[in-house]
């Protein structure tokens, strides 16, 4: 009996193993289907990858084309500006006298007020009158003040707040003749001939005395004032307060500027080429002839 049970048991075990083996086997048709499906999946992934790469390359090409067009336009504009400036500089050097006459600049209309500022009424507001020795009591309205502040960023704005005063440059009358830059701590002043077109611009190279009315923020400080004196070349004059820049060359003078070759030097102030503490400057213009007191301050 035990042997029969063993034989039957062995037979049953063999049968169970054969049954499990047959269940584990996959039909050829199913194998083919899986292989074909895997192939289709690989092909689909490959096609998708190719399409993605192609799309990415097309976008890159499109962006490069846009950048190239922008660079071309910028180059054309830069060449136009350089040509205009060379023409102006050439005229200035060929005809240096009088230094305040630049027909190309005289035709320019002052820009609108800086964003956020409104136009001033006519006549525009004016700050409190001063009592300096150079003031002419007989001509109280002789000068129209455009700016009075130690903050050059307020140039060409409509600001009347405490000690800060400014009106838009379009308040400059068309027949303006002279500009006065004055430091409000001492009353010392400089007067130069000016025209309405120059009031917001930089005088071309050539004259010994040049006006910078752009009020541009560069090299860590705003530049606004009257330039005169020896130019500090790019590799020279460390610490010179440049109120007007010719490329990398700093022009000293009087007004607002930056310290040449001083990193992160911030806003600087200068008078007659020498640095002074932060000071309120006043910029005013007149359409009238100069008084006797004014003529003593005129730079020719």
C-alpha atoms as a PDB file:
ATOM      1  CA  UNK A   1       0.000   0.000   0.000  1.00  0.00           C
ATOM      2  CA  UNK A   2       2.766   2.376   0.859  1.00  0.00           C
ATOM      3  CA  UNK A   3       4.505   1.785  -2.460  1.00  0.00           C
ATOM      4  CA  UNK A   4       1.251   2.375  -4.360  1.00  0.00           C
ATOM      5  CA  UNK A   5       0.688   5.555  -2.488  1.00  0.00           C
ATOM      6  CA  UNK A   6       4.232   6.522  -3.269  1.00  0.00           C
ATOM      7  CA  UNK A   7       3.738   5.709  -6.947  1.00  0.00           C
ATOM      8  CA  UNK A   8       0.437   7.534  -7.079  1.00  0.00           C
ATOM      9  CA  UNK A   9       1.972  10.358  -5.163  1.00  0.00           C
ATOM     10  CA  UNK A  10       4.865  10.532  -7.597  1.00  0.00           C
ATOM     11  CA  UNK A  11       2.431  10.401 -10.480  1.00  0.00           C
ATOM     12  CA  UNK A  12       0.391  13.189  -9.005  1.00  0.00           C
ATOM     13  CA  UNK A  13       3.516  15.261  -8.436  1.00  0.00           C
ATOM     14  CA  UNK A  14       4.681  14.766 -12.043  1.00  0.00           C
ATOM     15  CA  UNK A  15       1.257  15.716 -13.315  1.00  0.00           C
ATOM     16  CA  UNK A  16       1.222  18.877 -11.223  1.00  0.00           C
ATOM     17  CA  UNK A  17       4.626  19.929 -12.504  1.00  0.00           C
ATOM     18  CA  UNK A  18       3.559  19.276 -16.094  1.00  0.00           C
ATOM     19  CA  UNK A  19       0.374  21.307 -15.588  1.00  0.00           C
ATOM     20  CA  UNK A  20       2.261  24.282 -14.099  1.00  0.00           C
ATOM     21  CA  UNK A  21       4.832  24.157 -16.899  1.00  0.00           C
ATOM     22  CA  UNK A  22       2.154  24.211 -19.543  1.00  0.00           C
ATOM     23  CA  UNK A  23       0.452  27.165 -17.871  1.00  0.00           C
ATOM     24  CA  UNK A  24       3.774  29.067 -17.760  1.00  0.00           C
ATOM     25  CA  UNK A  25       4.326  28.611 -21.478  1.00  0.00           C
ATOM     26  CA  UNK A  26       3.117  31.547 -23.695  1.00  0.00           C
ATOM     27  CA  UNK A  27       1.531  30.970 -27.012  1.00  0.00           C
ATOM     28  CA  UNK A  28       3.566  31.973 -30.076  1.00  0.00           C
ATOM     29  CA  UNK A  29       0.815  34.340 -31.170  1.00  0.00           C
ATOM     30  CA  UNK A  30       0.961  36.258 -27.899  1.00  0.00           C
ATOM     31  CA  UNK A  31       4.742  36.490 -28.120  1.00  0.00           C
ATOM     32  CA  UNK A  32       4.511  37.900 -31.640  1.00  0.00           C
ATOM     33  CA  UNK A  33       1.886  40.421 -30.550  1.00  0.00           C
ATOM     34  CA  UNK A  34       4.083  41.589 -27.667  1.00  0.00           C
ATOM     35  CA  UNK A  35       7.133  41.895 -29.919  1.00  0.00           C
ATOM     36  CA  UNK A  36       5.212  43.843 -32.548  1.00  0.00           C
ATOM     37  CA  UNK A  37       3.725  46.097 -29.855  1.00  0.00           C
ATOM     38  CA  UNK A  38       7.145  46.758 -28.392  1.00  0.00           C
ATOM     39  CA  UNK A  39       8.466  47.601 -31.840  1.00  0.00           C
ATOM     40  CA  UNK A  40       5.594  50.023 -32.456  1.00  0.00           C
ATOM     41  CA  UNK A  41       6.225  51.617 -29.076  1.00  0.00           C
ATOM     42  CA  UNK A  42       9.924  52.050 -29.825  1.00  0.00           C
ATOM     43  CA  UNK A  43       9.124  53.488 -33.249  1.00  0.00           C
ATOM     44  CA  UNK A  44       6.611  55.897 -31.710  1.00  0.00           C
ATOM     45  CA  UNK A  45       9.119  57.009 -29.076  1.00  0.00           C
ATOM     46  CA  UNK A  46      11.798  57.466 -31.710  1.00  0.00           C
ATOM     47  CA  UNK A  47       9.456  59.498 -33.921  1.00  0.00           C
ATOM     48  CA  UNK A  48       8.400  61.607 -30.967  1.00  0.00           C
ATOM     49  CA  UNK A  49      12.010  62.224 -30.049  1.00  0.00           C
ATOM     50  CA  UNK A  50      12.858  63.223 -33.598  1.00  0.00           C
ATOM     51  CA  UNK A  51       9.876  65.577 -33.728  1.00  0.00           C
ATOM     52  CA  UNK A  52      10.813  67.125 -30.377  1.00  0.00           C
ATOM     53  CA  UNK A  53      14.415  67.643 -31.455  1.00  0.00           C
ATOM     54  CA  UNK A  54      13.224  69.113 -34.752  1.00  0.00           C
ATOM     55  CA  UNK A  55      10.797  71.459 -32.986  1.00  0.00           C
ATOM     56  CA  UNK A  56      13.484  72.534 -30.522  1.00  0.00           C
ATOM     57  CA  UNK A  57      15.945  73.197 -33.334  1.00  0.00           C
ATOM     58  CA  UNK A  58      13.311  75.135 -35.283  1.00  0.00           C
ATOM     59  CA  UNK A  59      12.578  77.317 -32.232  1.00  0.00           C
ATOM     60  CA  UNK A  60      16.289  77.906 -31.705  1.00  0.00           C
ATOM     61  CA  UNK A  61      16.680  78.879 -35.346  1.00  0.00           C
ATOM     62  CA  UNK A  62      13.701  81.218 -35.083  1.00  0.00           C
ATOM     63  CA  UNK A  63      15.103  82.856 -31.946  1.00  0.00           C
ATOM     64  CA  UNK A  64      18.532  83.216 -33.530  1.00  0.00           C
ATOM     65  CA  UNK A  65      16.919  84.825 -36.571  1.00  0.00           C
ATOM     66  CA  UNK A  66      15.028  87.268 -34.326  1.00  0.00           C
ATOM     67  CA  UNK A  67      18.217  88.092 -32.428  1.00  0.00           C
ATOM     68  CA  UNK A  68      20.072  88.572 -35.680  1.00  0.00           C
ATOM     69  CA  UNK A  69      17.396  90.966 -36.960  1.00  0.00           C
ATOM     70  CA  UNK A  70      17.452  92.887 -33.680  1.00  0.00           C
ATOM     71  CA  UNK A  71      21.242  93.097 -33.768  1.00  0.00           C
ATOM     72  CA  UNK A  72      21.088  94.315 -37.362  1.00  0.00           C
ATOM     73  CA  UNK A  73      18.563  97.014 -36.457  1.00  0.00           C
ATOM     74  CA  UNK A  74      20.624  98.059 -33.438  1.00  0.00           C
ATOM     75  CA  UNK A  75      23.725  98.226 -35.612  1.00  0.00           C
ATOM     76  CA  UNK A  76      21.921 100.369 -38.196  1.00  0.00           C
ATOM     77  CA  UNK A  77      20.625 102.701 -35.467  1.00  0.00           C
ATOM     78  CA  UNK A  78      24.063 102.903 -33.823  1.00  0.00           C
ATOM     79  CA  UNK A  79      25.679 103.733 -37.164  1.00  0.00           C
ATOM     80  CA  UNK A  80      23.075 106.423 -37.780  1.00  0.00           C
ATOM     81  CA  UNK A  81      23.625 107.967 -34.346  1.00  0.00           C
ATOM     82  CA  UNK A  82      27.413 107.795 -34.759  1.00  0.00           C
ATOM     83  CA  UNK A  83      27.170 109.432 -38.164  1.00  0.00           C
ATOM     84  CA  UNK A  84      25.029 112.238 -36.754  1.00  0.00           C
ATOM     85  CA  UNK A  85      27.384 112.766 -33.818  1.00  0.00           C
ATOM     86  CA  UNK A  86      30.459 112.710 -36.067  1.00  0.00           C
ATOM     87  CA  UNK A  87      28.809 115.303 -38.274  1.00  0.00           C
ATOM     88  CA  UNK A  88      28.035 117.476 -35.261  1.00  0.00           C
ATOM     89  CA  UNK A  89      31.497 116.992 -33.756  1.00  0.00           C
ATOM     90  CA  UNK A  90      33.088 117.733 -37.104  1.00  0.00           C
ATOM     91  CA  UNK A  91      31.110 120.943 -37.453  1.00  0.00           C
ATOM     92  CA  UNK A  92      32.048 121.921 -33.896  1.00  0.00           C
ATOM     93  CA  UNK A  93      35.754 121.348 -34.482  1.00  0.00           C
ATOM     94  CA  UNK A  94      35.716 123.034 -37.879  1.00  0.00           C
ATOM     95  CA  UNK A  95      33.818 126.048 -36.524  1.00  0.00           C
ATOM     96  CA  UNK A  96      34.645 126.239 -32.815  1.00  0.00           C
ATOM     97  CA  UNK A  97      33.567 129.850 -32.254  1.00  0.00           C
ATOM     98  CA  UNK A  98      31.243 130.854 -30.789  1.00  0.00           C
ATOM     99  CA  UNK A  99      31.076 127.704 -28.668  1.00  0.00           C
ATOM    100  CA  UNK A 100      27.330 127.958 -27.963  1.00  0.00           C
ATOM    101  CA  UNK A 101      26.193 127.688 -31.579  1.00  0.00           C
ATOM    102  CA  UNK A 102      25.372 124.191 -32.786  1.00  0.00           C
ATOM    103  CA  UNK A 103      22.631 124.455 -35.432  1.00  0.00           C
ATOM    104  CA  UNK A 104      21.899 120.711 -35.337  1.00  0.00           C
ATOM    105  CA  UNK A 105      21.264 120.827 -31.600  1.00  0.00           C
ATOM    106  CA  UNK A 106      19.409 124.143 -31.713  1.00  0.00           C
ATOM    107  CA  UNK A 107      16.666 122.483 -33.755  1.00  0.00           C
ATOM    108  CA  UNK A 108      15.978 119.835 -31.096  1.00  0.00           C
ATOM    109  CA  UNK A 109      12.843 120.182 -28.977  1.00  0.00           C
ATOM    110  CA  UNK A 110      13.411 119.369 -25.283  1.00  0.00           C
ATOM    111  CA  UNK A 111      12.035 115.957 -24.335  1.00  0.00           C
ATOM    112  CA  UNK A 112       8.793 115.543 -22.376  1.00  0.00           C
ATOM    113  CA  UNK A 113       8.988 115.247 -18.589  1.00  0.00           C
ATOM    114  CA  UNK A 114      10.275 112.000 -17.152  1.00  0.00           C
ATOM    115  CA  UNK A 115       7.661 109.268 -16.683  1.00  0.00           C
ATOM    116  CA  UNK A 116       5.417 110.052 -13.759  1.00  0.00           C
ATOM    117  CA  UNK A 117       5.721 113.829 -14.160  1.00  0.00           C
ATOM    118  CA  UNK A 118       3.189 116.192 -15.703  1.00  0.00           C
ATOM    119  CA  UNK A 119       3.720 119.333 -17.732  1.00  0.00           C
ATOM    120  CA  UNK A 120       3.991 122.607 -15.827  1.00  0.00           C
ATOM    121  CA  UNK A 121       1.581 125.501 -16.386  1.00  0.00           C
ATOM    122  CA  UNK A 122       2.750 128.661 -18.144  1.00  0.00           C
ATOM    123  CA  UNK A 123       4.168 130.569 -16.467  1.00  0.00           C
ATOM    124  CA  UNK A 124       5.494 127.707 -14.346  1.00  0.00           C
ATOM    125  CA  UNK A 125       5.887 127.816 -10.556  1.00  0.00           C
ATOM    126  CA  UNK A 126       9.113 129.161  -9.110  1.00  0.00           C
ATOM    127  CA  UNK A 127      10.970 128.477  -5.844  1.00  0.00           C
ATOM    128  CA  UNK A 128      11.528 131.037  -3.123  1.00  0.00           C
ATOM    129  CA  UNK A 129      13.677 133.987  -4.119  1.00  0.00           C
ATOM    130  CA  UNK A 130      17.296 133.965  -2.962  1.00  0.00           C
ATOM    131  CA  UNK A 131      19.370 136.689  -1.349  1.00  0.00           C
ATOM    132  CA  UNK A 132      22.846 136.276  -2.753  1.00  0.00           C
ATOM    133  CA  UNK A 133      25.230 139.089  -3.582  1.00  0.00           C
ATOM    134  CA  UNK A 134      24.910 138.240  -7.273  1.00  0.00           C
ATOM    135  CA  UNK A 135      21.098 138.616  -7.234  1.00  0.00           C
ATOM    136  CA  UNK A 136      19.827 141.748  -8.943  1.00  0.00           C
ATOM    137  CA  UNK A 137      17.036 143.301  -6.892  1.00  0.00           C
ATOM    138  CA  UNK A 138      16.044 145.452  -9.871  1.00  0.00           C
ATOM    139  CA  UNK A 139      15.351 142.363 -11.980  1.00  0.00           C
ATOM    140  CA  UNK A 140      13.574 139.859  -9.686  1.00  0.00           C
ATOM    141  CA  UNK A 141      12.187 137.803 -12.587  1.00  0.00           C
ATOM    142  CA  UNK A 142      15.337 137.921 -14.645  1.00  0.00           C
ATOM    143  CA  UNK A 143      15.975 134.169 -14.323  1.00  0.00           C
ATOM    144  CA  UNK A 144      13.571 131.240 -14.703  1.00  0.00           C
ATOM    145  CA  UNK A 145      14.648 128.422 -12.372  1.00  0.00           C
ATOM    146  CA  UNK A 146      14.433 124.967 -13.955  1.00  0.00           C
ATOM    147  CA  UNK A 147      16.003 123.001 -11.122  1.00  0.00           C
ATOM    148  CA  UNK A 148      17.107 123.440  -7.518  1.00  0.00           C
ATOM    149  CA  UNK A 149      18.089 120.316  -5.588  1.00  0.00           C
ATOM    150  CA  UNK A 150      20.921 118.024  -4.563  1.00  0.00           C
ATOM    151  CA  UNK A 151      19.091 115.177  -6.366  1.00  0.00           C
ATOM    152  CA  UNK A 152      20.032 115.238 -10.067  1.00  0.00           C
ATOM    153  CA  UNK A 153      17.505 112.499 -10.828  1.00  0.00           C
ATOM    154  CA  UNK A 154      14.795 115.196 -10.475  1.00  0.00           C
ATOM    155  CA  UNK A 155      16.077 116.997 -13.583  1.00  0.00           C
ATOM    156  CA  UNK A 156      13.241 117.359 -16.134  1.00  0.00           C
ATOM    157  CA  UNK A 157      10.476 116.496 -13.671  1.00  0.00           C
ATOM    158  CA  UNK A 158       7.640 118.530 -12.171  1.00  0.00           C
ATOM    159  CA  UNK A 159       8.682 118.557  -8.507  1.00  0.00           C
ATOM    160  CA  UNK A 160       7.880 121.043  -5.759  1.00  0.00           C
ATOM    161  CA  UNK A 161       8.550 119.254  -2.470  1.00  0.00           C
ATOM    162  CA  UNK A 162      10.387 120.939   0.373  1.00  0.00           C
ATOM    163  CA  UNK A 163      13.923 121.814  -0.712  1.00  0.00           C
ATOM    164  CA  UNK A 164      13.517 119.989  -4.033  1.00  0.00           C
ATOM    165  CA  UNK A 165      12.313 121.984  -7.016  1.00  0.00           C
ATOM    166  CA  UNK A 166      12.187 121.164 -10.716  1.00  0.00           C
ATOM    167  CA  UNK A 167      10.040 121.939 -13.745  1.00  0.00           C
ATOM    168  CA  UNK A 168      10.017 120.156 -17.124  1.00  0.00           C
ATOM    169  CA  UNK A 169      12.585 121.318 -19.665  1.00  0.00           C
ATOM    170  CA  UNK A 170       9.847 122.178 -22.130  1.00  0.00           C
ATOM    171  CA  UNK A 171       9.212 125.187 -19.896  1.00  0.00           C
ATOM    172  CA  UNK A 172      12.409 126.634 -21.408  1.00  0.00           C
ATOM    173  CA  UNK A 173      11.384 129.517 -23.650  1.00  0.00           C
ATOM    174  CA  UNK A 174      12.361 129.366 -27.316  1.00  0.00           C
ATOM    175  CA  UNK A 175      14.418 132.558 -27.247  1.00  0.00           C
ATOM    176  CA  UNK A 176      16.484 131.591 -24.193  1.00  0.00           C
ATOM    177  CA  UNK A 177      19.991 133.092 -24.260  1.00  0.00           C
ATOM    178  CA  UNK A 178      21.870 132.121 -21.106  1.00  0.00           C
ATOM    179  CA  UNK A 179      22.049 129.418 -18.436  1.00  0.00           C
ATOM    180  CA  UNK A 180      23.245 129.890 -14.867  1.00  0.00           C
ATOM    181  CA  UNK A 181      24.546 127.080 -12.655  1.00  0.00           C
ATOM    182  CA  UNK A 182      24.735 128.122  -9.002  1.00  0.00           C
ATOM    183  CA  UNK A 183      25.692 126.330  -5.818  1.00  0.00           C
ATOM    184  CA  UNK A 184      23.236 127.193  -3.087  1.00  0.00           C
ATOM    185  CA  UNK A 185      25.632 126.910  -0.156  1.00  0.00           C
ATOM    186  CA  UNK A 186      27.878 129.795  -1.242  1.00  0.00           C
ATOM    187  CA  UNK A 187      26.014 131.550  -4.069  1.00  0.00           C
ATOM    188  CA  UNK A 188      28.934 131.064  -6.470  1.00  0.00           C
ATOM    189  CA  UNK A 189      27.693 130.788 -10.045  1.00  0.00           C
ATOM    190  CA  UNK A 190      28.758 130.179 -13.637  1.00  0.00           C
ATOM    191  CA  UNK A 191      26.876 131.540 -16.652  1.00  0.00           C
ATOM    192  CA  UNK A 192      27.156 130.204 -20.194  1.00  0.00           C
ATOM    193  CA  UNK A 193      25.344 130.965 -23.448  1.00  0.00           C
ATOM    194  CA  UNK A 194      22.620 128.384 -24.182  1.00  0.00           C
ATOM    195  CA  UNK A 195      19.845 127.610 -26.653  1.00  0.00           C
ATOM    196  CA  UNK A 196      16.592 125.741 -26.090  1.00  0.00           C
ATOM    197  CA  UNK A 197      17.749 122.816 -28.206  1.00  0.00           C
ATOM    198  CA  UNK A 198      20.876 122.327 -26.111  1.00  0.00           C
ATOM    199  CA  UNK A 199      19.189 122.430 -22.723  1.00  0.00           C
ATOM    200  CA  UNK A 200      18.675 118.635 -22.614  1.00  0.00           C
ATOM    201  CA  UNK A 201      21.733 117.619 -24.627  1.00  0.00           C
ATOM    202  CA  UNK A 202      25.511 117.271 -24.367  1.00  0.00           C
ATOM    203  CA  UNK A 203      27.618 119.823 -26.220  1.00  0.00           C
ATOM    204  CA  UNK A 204      29.872 118.239 -28.861  1.00  0.00           C
ATOM    205  CA  UNK A 205      33.609 118.135 -28.360  1.00  0.00           C
ATOM    206  CA  UNK A 206      35.586 121.197 -29.336  1.00  0.00           C
ATOM    207  CA  UNK A 207      34.728 124.112 -27.025  1.00  0.00           C
ATOM    208  CA  UNK A 208      36.643 124.561 -23.788  1.00  0.00           C
ATOM    209  CA  UNK A 209      33.369 125.030 -21.890  1.00  0.00           C
ATOM    210  CA  UNK A 210      30.594 122.512 -22.537  1.00  0.00           C
ATOM    211  CA  UNK A 211      27.108 121.973 -21.155  1.00  0.00           C
ATOM    212  CA  UNK A 212      25.788 118.524 -20.199  1.00  0.00           C
ATOM    213  CA  UNK A 213      22.012 118.597 -19.844  1.00  0.00           C
ATOM    214  CA  UNK A 214      21.268 114.907 -20.350  1.00  0.00           C
ATOM    215  CA  UNK A 215      21.180 114.116 -16.644  1.00  0.00           C
ATOM    216  CA  UNK A 216      22.145 110.533 -17.450  1.00  0.00           C
ATOM    217  CA  UNK A 217      22.868 107.937 -14.774  1.00  0.00           C
ATOM    218  CA  UNK A 218      26.153 106.219 -15.654  1.00  0.00           C
ATOM    219  CA  UNK A 219      29.202 104.891 -13.799  1.00  0.00           C
ATOM    220  CA  UNK A 220      27.328 105.123 -10.501  1.00  0.00           C
ATOM    221  CA  UNK A 221      26.205 108.759 -10.629  1.00  0.00           C
ATOM    222  CA  UNK A 222      24.039 111.206 -12.564  1.00  0.00           C
ATOM    223  CA  UNK A 223      25.885 113.633 -14.841  1.00  0.00           C
ATOM    224  CA  UNK A 224      24.600 117.199 -15.113  1.00  0.00           C
ATOM    225  CA  UNK A 225      26.557 120.429 -15.231  1.00  0.00           C
ATOM    226  CA  UNK A 226      29.210 122.515 -16.958  1.00  0.00           C
ATOM    227  CA  UNK A 227      32.436 120.834 -18.046  1.00  0.00           C
ATOM    228  CA  UNK A 228      35.715 122.724 -18.321  1.00  0.00           C
ATOM    229  CA  UNK A 229      39.345 121.943 -17.683  1.00  0.00           C
ATOM    230  CA  UNK A 230      41.773 119.166 -18.680  1.00  0.00           C
ATOM    231  CA  UNK A 231      40.107 115.894 -19.650  1.00  0.00           C
ATOM    232  CA  UNK A 232      40.938 112.803 -17.587  1.00  0.00           C
ATOM    233  CA  UNK A 233      41.678 110.079 -20.123  1.00  0.00           C
ATOM    234  CA  UNK A 234      40.481 106.513 -19.663  1.00  0.00           C
ATOM    235  CA  UNK A 235      43.678 105.376 -17.943  1.00  0.00           C
ATOM    236  CA  UNK A 236      44.274 108.617 -16.053  1.00  0.00           C
ATOM    237  CA  UNK A 237      42.824 110.892 -13.419  1.00  0.00           C
ATOM    238  CA  UNK A 238      41.571 108.457 -10.804  1.00  0.00           C
ATOM    239  CA  UNK A 239      39.086 110.233  -8.551  1.00  0.00           C
ATOM    240  CA  UNK A 240      38.367 113.049 -11.003  1.00  0.00           C
ATOM    241  CA  UNK A 241      34.694 114.026 -10.753  1.00  0.00           C
ATOM    242  CA  UNK A 242      33.462 113.737 -14.317  1.00  0.00           C
ATOM    243  CA  UNK A 243      30.353 115.811 -15.056  1.00  0.00           C
ATOM    244  CA  UNK A 244      30.507 114.911 -18.753  1.00  0.00           C
ATOM    245  CA  UNK A 245      31.771 111.712 -20.353  1.00  0.00           C
ATOM    246  CA  UNK A 246      33.331 111.320 -23.805  1.00  0.00           C
ATOM    247  CA  UNK A 247      33.267 107.544 -24.008  1.00  0.00           C
ATOM    248  CA  UNK A 248      35.596 106.516 -21.184  1.00  0.00           C
ATOM    249  CA  UNK A 249      37.174 109.976 -20.798  1.00  0.00           C
ATOM    250  CA  UNK A 250      35.947 112.101 -17.874  1.00  0.00           C
ATOM    251  CA  UNK A 251      35.497 115.861 -18.185  1.00  0.00           C
ATOM    252  CA  UNK A 252      35.764 117.733 -14.876  1.00  0.00           C
ATOM    253  CA  UNK A 253      33.825 120.868 -14.084  1.00  0.00           C
ATOM    254  CA  UNK A 254      30.910 121.986 -11.916  1.00  0.00           C
ATOM    255  CA  UNK A 255      27.772 120.064 -11.062  1.00  0.00           C
ATOM    256  CA  UNK A 256      26.871 116.411 -10.605  1.00  0.00           C
ATOM    257  CA  UNK A 257      29.030 113.475 -11.680  1.00  0.00           C
ATOM    258  CA  UNK A 258      30.905 110.350 -10.640  1.00  0.00           C
ATOM    259  CA  UNK A 259      34.425 109.618  -9.393  1.00  0.00           C
ATOM    260  CA  UNK A 260      36.557 108.443 -12.313  1.00  0.00           C
ATOM    261  CA  UNK A 261      37.985 104.927 -11.795  1.00  0.00           C
ATOM    262  CA  UNK A 262      36.328 104.533  -8.390  1.00  0.00           C
ATOM    263  CA  UNK A 263      34.114 101.458  -8.169  1.00  0.00           C
ATOM    264  CA  UNK A 264      30.707 101.975  -6.559  1.00  0.00           C
ATOM    265  CA  UNK A 265      31.628 105.565  -5.748  1.00  0.00           C
ATOM    266  CA  UNK A 266      28.030 106.782  -5.863  1.00  0.00           C
ATOM    267  CA  UNK A 267      26.803 110.283  -6.636  1.00  0.00           C
ATOM    268  CA  UNK A 268      29.496 112.976  -6.459  1.00  0.00           C
ATOM    269  CA  UNK A 269      29.458 116.779  -6.551  1.00  0.00           C
ATOM    270  CA  UNK A 270      32.039 119.133  -7.996  1.00  0.00           C
ATOM    271  CA  UNK A 271      32.828 122.810  -8.363  1.00  0.00           C
ATOM    272  CA  UNK A 272      35.474 124.155 -10.727  1.00  0.00           C
ATOM    273  CA  UNK A 273      36.959 120.678 -11.091  1.00  0.00           C
ATOM    274  CA  UNK A 274      37.259 119.926  -7.374  1.00  0.00           C
ATOM    275  CA  UNK A 275      35.050 117.606  -5.370  1.00  0.00           C
ATOM    276  CA  UNK A 276      32.750 119.197  -2.794  1.00  0.00           C
ATOM    277  CA  UNK A 277      30.288 117.708  -0.274  1.00  0.00           C
ATOM    278  CA  UNK A 278      26.719 116.945  -1.373  1.00  0.00           C
ATOM    279  CA  UNK A 279      25.357 120.349  -2.401  1.00  0.00           C
ATOM    280  CA  UNK A 280      22.129 121.842  -3.705  1.00  0.00           C
ATOM    281  CA  UNK A 281      22.663 123.185  -7.226  1.00  0.00           C
ATOM    282  CA  UNK A 282      20.367 125.579  -9.022  1.00  0.00           C
ATOM    283  CA  UNK A 283      19.994 125.710 -12.814  1.00  0.00           C
ATOM    284  CA  UNK A 284      18.213 128.731 -14.270  1.00  0.00           C
ATOM    285  CA  UNK A 285      17.831 130.304 -17.727  1.00  0.00           C
ATOM    286  CA  UNK A 286      17.021 133.736 -19.095  1.00  0.00           C
ATOM    287  CA  UNK A 287      15.839 135.233 -22.356  1.00  0.00           C
ATOM    288  CA  UNK A 288      17.170 138.678 -21.434  1.00  0.00           C
ATOM    289  CA  UNK A 289      20.554 140.275 -21.770  1.00  0.00           C
ATOM    290  CA  UNK A 290      22.893 139.899 -18.825  1.00  0.00           C
ATOM    291  CA  UNK A 291      23.152 142.476 -16.092  1.00  0.00           C
ATOM    292  CA  UNK A 292      26.503 143.885 -15.042  1.00  0.00           C
ATOM    293  CA  UNK A 293      26.623 141.429 -12.121  1.00  0.00           C
ATOM    294  CA  UNK A 294      25.840 138.546 -14.459  1.00  0.00           C
ATOM    295  CA  UNK A 295      28.549 139.433 -16.980  1.00  0.00           C
ATOM    296  CA  UNK A 296      31.213 138.929 -14.355  1.00  0.00           C
ATOM    297  CA  UNK A 297      30.130 135.247 -14.166  1.00  0.00           C
ATOM    298  CA  UNK A 298      29.989 134.612 -17.927  1.00  0.00           C
ATOM    299  CA  UNK A 299      32.229 131.916 -19.431  1.00  0.00           C
ATOM    300  CA  UNK A 300      33.166 132.886 -22.972  1.00  0.00           C
END
